[in-house]
């Protein structure tokens, strides 16, 4: 199953939700969200800095991942960025392909 890294930054309302529900409450909400699209949360961390949360998930497809991102964004409690993660074997497969490409200016 494809892996994704979700980076989230809470809005003011999102921070109020963390204060109300606690960290474990937010983790449970994310677990339910990811499970609702057929996936599972592998890791969930709160952090200091630009992003408040990092979540490593297994989700069935890019479509399911997009549904998660759209749902979270529409709810208004957080802004998310999703990174598609590739295994070394997937990179080996990519290296084996020979796409045709002409660089700009050549």
Protein backbone atom coordinates (compact mmCIF):
# COMPACT_ATOMS: atom_id res chain seq x y z
CA UNK A 1 0.00 0.00 0.00
CA UNK A 2 1.40 3.45 -0.86
CA UNK A 3 2.86 5.55 1.96
CA UNK A 4 2.32 9.26 2.47
CA UNK A 5 3.75 11.83 4.85
CA UNK A 6 1.10 14.33 5.91
CA UNK A 7 2.35 17.60 7.38
CA UNK A 8 -0.26 19.68 9.16
CA UNK A 9 -0.31 23.19 10.58
CA UNK A 10 -3.21 24.00 12.87
CA UNK A 11 -5.37 27.08 12.46
CA UNK A 12 -6.51 28.93 15.59
CA UNK A 13 -9.65 26.76 15.66
CA UNK A 14 -7.52 23.64 15.27
CA UNK A 15 -5.35 24.61 18.23
CA UNK A 16 -8.51 25.14 20.29
CA UNK A 17 -9.51 21.60 19.33
CA UNK A 18 -6.17 20.23 20.55
CA UNK A 19 -6.57 22.11 23.82
CA UNK A 20 -10.06 20.63 24.21
CA UNK A 21 -9.41 17.03 23.00
CA UNK A 22 -5.74 16.63 23.88
CA UNK A 23 -3.10 15.01 21.72
CA UNK A 24 -4.51 11.50 22.00
CA UNK A 25 -7.95 12.77 21.03
CA UNK A 26 -6.55 14.28 17.84
CA UNK A 27 -4.61 11.08 17.12
CA UNK A 28 -7.84 9.06 17.45
CA UNK A 29 -9.63 11.44 15.06
CA UNK A 30 -6.84 11.03 12.50
CA UNK A 31 -6.88 7.24 12.95
CA UNK A 32 -10.63 7.20 12.19
CA UNK A 33 -10.15 9.48 9.17
CA UNK A 34 -7.42 7.34 7.63
CA UNK A 35 -9.26 4.09 8.40
CA UNK A 36 -12.38 5.50 6.70
CA UNK A 37 -10.53 5.49 3.36
CA UNK A 38 -9.10 2.00 3.87
CA UNK A 39 -5.73 3.03 5.30
CA UNK A 40 -3.87 3.00 8.57
CA UNK A 41 -1.72 5.44 10.55
CA UNK A 42 1.81 4.14 10.98
CA UNK A 43 3.22 7.06 13.01
CA UNK A 44 1.80 10.29 14.43
CA UNK A 45 3.91 13.03 15.97
CA UNK A 46 3.35 16.55 17.22
CA UNK A 47 6.26 18.92 16.55
CA UNK A 48 7.64 22.40 17.11
CA UNK A 49 8.25 24.62 14.11
CA UNK A 50 6.52 25.30 10.82
CA UNK A 51 4.34 22.18 11.08
CA UNK A 52 2.43 21.10 14.16
CA UNK A 53 1.88 17.48 13.16
CA UNK A 54 3.63 14.83 11.05
CA UNK A 55 1.67 11.70 10.17
CA UNK A 56 3.01 8.70 8.27
CA UNK A 57 0.14 6.76 6.71
CA UNK A 58 -0.56 3.81 4.44
CA UNK A 59 -3.45 4.73 2.14
CA UNK A 60 -4.73 2.69 -0.84
CA UNK A 61 -4.26 5.34 -3.55
CA UNK A 62 -3.59 8.93 -4.53
CA UNK A 63 -7.35 9.37 -4.83
CA UNK A 64 -7.87 8.28 -1.20
CA UNK A 65 -5.00 10.52 -0.11
CA UNK A 66 -6.54 13.47 -1.96
CA UNK A 67 -9.89 12.77 -0.29
CA UNK A 68 -8.19 12.97 3.11
CA UNK A 69 -6.49 16.26 2.26
CA UNK A 70 -9.66 17.80 0.87
CA UNK A 71 -11.68 16.73 3.90
CA UNK A 72 -9.19 18.16 6.39
CA UNK A 73 -8.82 21.41 4.46
CA UNK A 74 -12.58 21.86 4.13
CA UNK A 75 -13.05 21.37 7.87
CA UNK A 76 -10.84 24.41 8.48
CA UNK A 77 -8.90 23.19 11.52
CA UNK A 78 -5.60 22.63 9.74
CA UNK A 79 -3.69 23.22 6.54
CA UNK A 80 -2.01 20.11 5.17
CA UNK A 81 0.74 19.17 2.75
CA UNK A 82 1.00 15.57 1.58
CA UNK A 83 4.23 14.00 0.37
CA UNK A 84 4.09 10.78 -1.67
CA UNK A 85 6.79 8.43 -0.38
CA UNK A 86 8.55 5.93 -2.64
CA UNK A 87 10.38 2.75 -1.68
CA UNK A 88 13.91 2.03 -2.93
CA UNK A 89 12.39 -0.68 -5.13
CA UNK A 90 10.03 1.85 -6.74
CA UNK A 91 13.01 4.10 -7.49
CA UNK A 92 14.80 1.10 -9.04
CA UNK A 93 11.75 0.59 -11.26
CA UNK A 94 11.77 4.28 -12.21
CA UNK A 95 15.48 4.15 -13.04
CA UNK A 96 14.75 1.23 -15.37
CA UNK A 97 12.39 3.31 -17.49
CA UNK A 98 13.74 5.48 -20.29
CA UNK A 99 11.39 8.42 -20.86
CA UNK A 100 12.09 10.72 -23.79
CA UNK A 101 12.84 14.30 -22.81
CA UNK A 102 14.41 17.39 -24.36
CA UNK A 103 15.74 19.93 -21.86
CA UNK A 104 14.81 23.58 -22.33
CA UNK A 105 17.25 25.41 -24.59
CA UNK A 106 18.60 22.26 -26.28
